[in-house]
Amino acid sequence: MIICCSAFIALVLAFIFMIFIKTSAGCVVWTFVILVVVGFFTIGGYFLNDYILSIGGYDDIWTELSEADFTGSSETHDLWNLYIGIIFIVFGFFSLIFICCCGRKLSIAIAVMKVSTSFLMENKAVLCIPLTFFVFVLLFLVGWVWSSIYLFSVATLSTEDNLLPFAQLIHSQEVEIMGYFYFFGMFWWVCFLMGASTFIIIGTVCYWYFNAERP
């Protein structure tokens, strides 16, 4: 009961989030990007300010920097503030360069997010596809474990003494090879089912995108 209620709440929150993304994806993305850049400069400025105050303030900062002993152990903490501040400031500048160079790509990503939410809002049944294949995978794994027990039992009991308190199974080379192939087949089928789920969703999205009626 708790699992069903949690799943229902998660679906409701997911649809609310999709509506929010559909209406204001651009605002959310650009706000996050700006906050990241401002955060880099703010943190860097905080550490640099702490370092400047520790060496006497802003009046004779360049003189203090030129005369500072960067190898002294007493200034290790202050130097860490300087280094961390410079690193964050550099990250801030790199973030600005990245935004200037990849602004169009960010706009395309925002458009993709809006189209994705539109697809999910108009085709809610597509959410059943991964859930259905998840059930298929679980059923397959149950059957695989059950049949693996039979394969593991194809062996002879050891007659040697003083091995372990329990009887030991000795498998032939043919059974071991079968076990390796069987183990590989488990991964192959699981990946196949996951790929089939992804392929069905991709095909559905393509059909909807190129045949949907838009104003």
Protein backbone atom coordinates (compact mmCIF):
# COMPACT_ATOMS: atom_id res chain seq x y z
CA MET A 1 0.00 0.00 0.00
CA ILE A 2 2.83 2.38 0.89
CA ILE A 3 4.60 1.63 -2.40
CA CYS A 4 1.43 2.30 -4.41
CA CYS A 5 0.81 5.60 -2.59
CA SER A 6 4.43 6.64 -3.12
CA ALA A 7 4.22 5.80 -6.83
CA PHE A 8 0.98 7.78 -7.19
CA ILE A 9 2.46 10.82 -5.41
CA ALA A 10 5.59 10.59 -7.57
CA LEU A 11 3.49 10.55 -10.76
CA VAL A 12 1.44 13.55 -9.62
CA LEU A 13 4.57 15.51 -8.77
CA ALA A 14 6.12 14.50 -12.09
CA PHE A 15 3.13 15.87 -14.03
CA ILE A 16 3.21 19.09 -12.02
CA PHE A 17 6.90 19.43 -12.77
CA MET A 18 6.28 18.80 -16.48
CA ILE A 19 3.64 21.53 -16.58
CA PHE A 20 6.06 23.87 -14.86
CA ILE A 21 8.86 23.01 -17.32
CA LYS A 22 6.53 23.40 -20.31
CA THR A 23 5.52 26.89 -19.29
CA SER A 24 8.81 28.23 -17.93
CA ALA A 25 11.69 26.00 -19.04
CA GLY A 26 13.68 28.90 -20.45
CA CYS A 27 13.33 30.95 -17.29
CA VAL A 28 14.40 28.02 -15.11
CA VAL A 29 17.43 27.11 -17.21
CA TRP A 30 18.75 30.65 -17.63
CA THR A 31 18.12 31.43 -13.96
CA PHE A 32 20.12 28.36 -12.99
CA VAL A 33 22.93 29.31 -15.38
CA ILE A 34 23.08 32.87 -14.03
CA LEU A 35 23.07 31.59 -10.45
CA VAL A 36 25.98 29.28 -11.22
CA VAL A 37 28.05 32.11 -12.71
CA VAL A 38 27.16 34.53 -9.93
CA GLY A 39 27.91 31.82 -7.39
CA PHE A 40 31.41 31.29 -8.78
CA PHE A 41 32.22 35.01 -8.64
CA THR A 42 30.59 35.43 -5.22
CA ILE A 43 32.52 32.57 -3.62
CA GLY A 44 35.75 33.66 -5.30
CA GLY A 45 35.21 37.25 -4.17
CA TYR A 46 34.53 36.10 -0.61
CA PHE A 47 37.81 34.20 -0.36
CA LEU A 48 39.78 36.99 -2.04
CA ASN A 49 38.23 39.54 0.29
CA ASP A 50 39.13 37.36 3.28
CA TYR A 51 42.71 37.16 2.05
CA ILE A 52 42.96 40.91 1.45
CA LEU A 53 41.63 41.69 4.91
CA SER A 54 44.11 39.25 6.44
CA ILE A 55 47.09 41.09 4.93
CA GLY A 56 46.01 44.53 6.07
CA GLY A 57 43.09 45.68 3.94
CA TYR A 58 42.71 47.36 0.59
CA ASP A 59 44.94 50.42 1.15
CA ASP A 60 48.33 48.88 0.36
CA ILE A 61 47.23 45.62 -1.21
CA TRP A 62 49.77 45.57 -4.06
CA THR A 63 52.61 46.42 -1.69
CA GLU A 64 51.54 43.68 0.70
CA LEU A 65 51.30 41.16 -2.15
CA SER A 66 54.77 42.03 -3.45
CA GLU A 67 56.33 41.77 0.00
CA ALA A 68 54.40 38.71 1.19
CA ASP A 69 56.32 35.55 2.02
CA PHE A 70 54.42 32.89 0.03
CA THR A 71 56.53 30.11 1.53
CA GLY A 72 55.92 30.93 5.19
CA SER A 73 53.93 28.40 7.15
CA SER A 74 52.20 31.17 9.12
CA GLU A 75 50.45 32.36 5.97
CA THR A 76 49.29 28.96 4.76
CA HIS A 77 45.66 29.57 5.68
CA ASP A 78 45.68 33.01 4.03
CA LEU A 79 47.29 31.61 0.89
CA TRP A 80 44.63 28.93 0.66
CA ASN A 81 42.03 31.69 0.67
CA LEU A 82 43.90 33.40 -2.16
CA TYR A 83 44.22 30.22 -4.23
CA ILE A 84 40.60 29.16 -3.71
CA GLY A 85 39.38 32.64 -4.59
CA ILE A 86 41.41 32.70 -7.80
CA ILE A 87 40.17 29.23 -8.78
CA PHE A 88 36.51 30.22 -8.36
CA ILE A 89 37.02 33.47 -10.25
CA VAL A 90 38.64 31.54 -13.11
CA PHE A 91 35.72 29.09 -13.12
CA GLY A 92 33.38 32.08 -13.31
CA PHE A 93 35.15 33.46 -16.37
CA PHE A 94 35.17 30.04 -18.03
CA SER A 95 31.43 29.79 -17.33
CA LEU A 96 30.86 33.13 -19.05
CA ILE A 97 32.91 31.99 -22.04
CA PHE A 98 30.93 28.74 -22.17
CA ILE A 99 27.62 30.62 -22.11
CA CYS A 100 28.78 32.96 -24.88
CA CYS A 101 29.93 30.05 -27.05
CA CYS A 102 27.06 27.66 -26.31
CA GLY A 103 24.13 30.01 -25.88
CA ARG A 104 22.41 28.71 -28.99
CA LYS A 105 22.86 25.12 -27.84
CA LEU A 106 21.27 26.00 -24.51
CA SER A 107 18.33 27.50 -26.39
CA ILE A 108 17.98 24.29 -28.40
CA ALA A 109 18.10 22.26 -25.17
CA ILE A 110 15.32 24.39 -23.72
CA ALA A 111 13.22 23.83 -26.85
CA VAL A 112 13.83 20.07 -26.59
CA MET A 113 12.68 20.11 -22.96
CA LYS A 114 9.47 21.91 -23.93
CA VAL A 115 8.77 19.49 -26.78
CA SER A 116 9.45 16.52 -24.49
CA THR A 117 6.98 17.76 -21.91
CA SER A 118 4.40 18.41 -24.64
CA PHE A 119 4.80 14.83 -25.85
CA LEU A 120 4.39 13.37 -22.38
CA MET A 121 1.36 15.54 -21.66
CA GLU A 122 -0.35 14.45 -24.89
CA ASN A 123 0.74 10.78 -24.70
CA LYS A 124 0.55 9.81 -21.03
CA ALA A 125 0.17 6.12 -21.92
CA VAL A 126 3.82 6.05 -23.02
CA LEU A 127 4.75 5.95 -19.32
CA CYS A 128 3.40 2.40 -19.26
CA ILE A 129 6.05 1.20 -21.72
CA PRO A 130 9.07 1.25 -19.35
CA LEU A 131 6.92 -0.09 -16.51
CA THR A 132 5.73 -2.96 -18.70
CA PHE A 133 9.24 -3.86 -19.80
CA PHE A 134 10.40 -3.62 -16.20
CA VAL A 135 7.87 -6.31 -15.33
CA PHE A 136 9.12 -8.38 -18.30
CA VAL A 137 12.69 -8.08 -17.04
CA LEU A 138 11.67 -9.16 -13.56
CA LEU A 139 9.78 -12.17 -14.91
CA PHE A 140 12.74 -13.07 -17.12
CA LEU A 141 15.17 -12.86 -14.19
CA VAL A 142 12.93 -15.07 -12.07
CA GLY A 143 12.81 -17.66 -14.84
CA TRP A 144 16.56 -17.31 -15.41
CA VAL A 145 17.36 -17.96 -11.75
CA TRP A 146 14.98 -20.91 -11.68
CA SER A 147 16.54 -22.53 -14.74
CA SER A 148 20.05 -21.70 -13.49
CA ILE A 149 19.38 -23.86 -10.45
CA TYR A 150 18.66 -26.79 -12.76
CA LEU A 151 21.81 -26.10 -14.76
CA PHE A 152 23.90 -25.85 -11.59
CA SER A 153 22.54 -29.19 -10.41
CA VAL A 154 23.93 -30.98 -13.49
CA ALA A 155 26.99 -32.24 -11.64
CA THR A 156 28.42 -35.16 -9.72
CA LEU A 157 29.07 -35.31 -5.99
CA SER A 158 32.68 -35.31 -4.90
CA THR A 159 33.86 -38.44 -3.11
CA GLU A 160 37.04 -36.87 -1.73
CA ASP A 161 37.34 -36.59 2.02
CA ASN A 162 38.14 -33.57 4.17
CA LEU A 163 37.00 -30.99 1.60
CA LEU A 164 34.21 -29.25 3.44
CA PRO A 165 31.51 -30.33 5.88
CA PHE A 166 29.10 -30.51 2.95
CA ALA A 167 29.17 -32.44 -0.28
CA GLN A 168 30.76 -30.65 -3.20
CA LEU A 169 29.46 -30.54 -6.77
CA ILE A 170 31.88 -31.14 -9.60
CA HIS A 171 30.79 -29.75 -12.97
CA SER A 172 32.09 -30.97 -16.26
CA GLN A 173 33.77 -28.65 -18.72
CA GLU A 174 30.71 -28.71 -20.96
CA VAL A 175 28.44 -27.60 -18.11
CA GLU A 176 30.84 -24.79 -17.19
CA ILE A 177 30.85 -23.55 -20.79
CA MET A 178 27.07 -23.69 -20.84
CA GLY A 179 27.03 -21.70 -17.61
CA TYR A 180 29.23 -18.99 -19.13
CA PHE A 181 26.97 -18.72 -22.19
CA TYR A 182 23.91 -18.78 -19.98
CA PHE A 183 25.31 -15.95 -17.84
CA PHE A 184 26.12 -13.93 -20.94
CA GLY A 185 22.63 -14.62 -22.29
CA MET A 186 21.07 -13.14 -19.17
CA PHE A 187 22.82 -9.81 -19.78
CA TRP A 188 22.01 -9.98 -23.50
CA TRP A 189 18.29 -10.47 -22.94
CA VAL A 190 18.07 -7.80 -20.26
CA CYS A 191 19.83 -5.31 -22.56
CA PHE A 192 17.59 -6.41 -25.44
CA LEU A 193 14.42 -5.76 -23.43
CA MET A 194 15.72 -2.37 -22.28
CA GLY A 195 16.70 -1.51 -25.85
CA ALA A 196 13.29 -2.59 -27.13
CA SER A 197 11.61 -0.30 -24.61
CA THR A 198 13.80 2.62 -25.67
CA PHE A 199 13.22 1.86 -29.37
CA ILE A 200 9.44 1.83 -28.94
CA ILE A 201 9.51 5.17 -27.12
CA ILE A 202 11.82 6.68 -29.76
CA GLY A 203 9.54 5.48 -32.56
CA THR A 204 6.49 6.87 -30.79
CA VAL A 205 8.16 10.24 -30.28
CA CYS A 206 9.26 10.46 -33.92
CA TYR A 207 5.79 9.55 -35.20
CA TRP A 208 4.18 12.12 -32.90
CA TYR A 209 6.67 14.88 -33.72
CA PHE A 210 6.44 14.59 -37.50
CA ASN A 211 2.69 14.02 -37.64
CA ALA A 212 1.39 16.26 -34.86
CA GLU A 213 -0.84 19.14 -35.88
CA ARG A 214 0.68 22.40 -34.65
CA PRO A 215 -0.64 25.93 -35.01
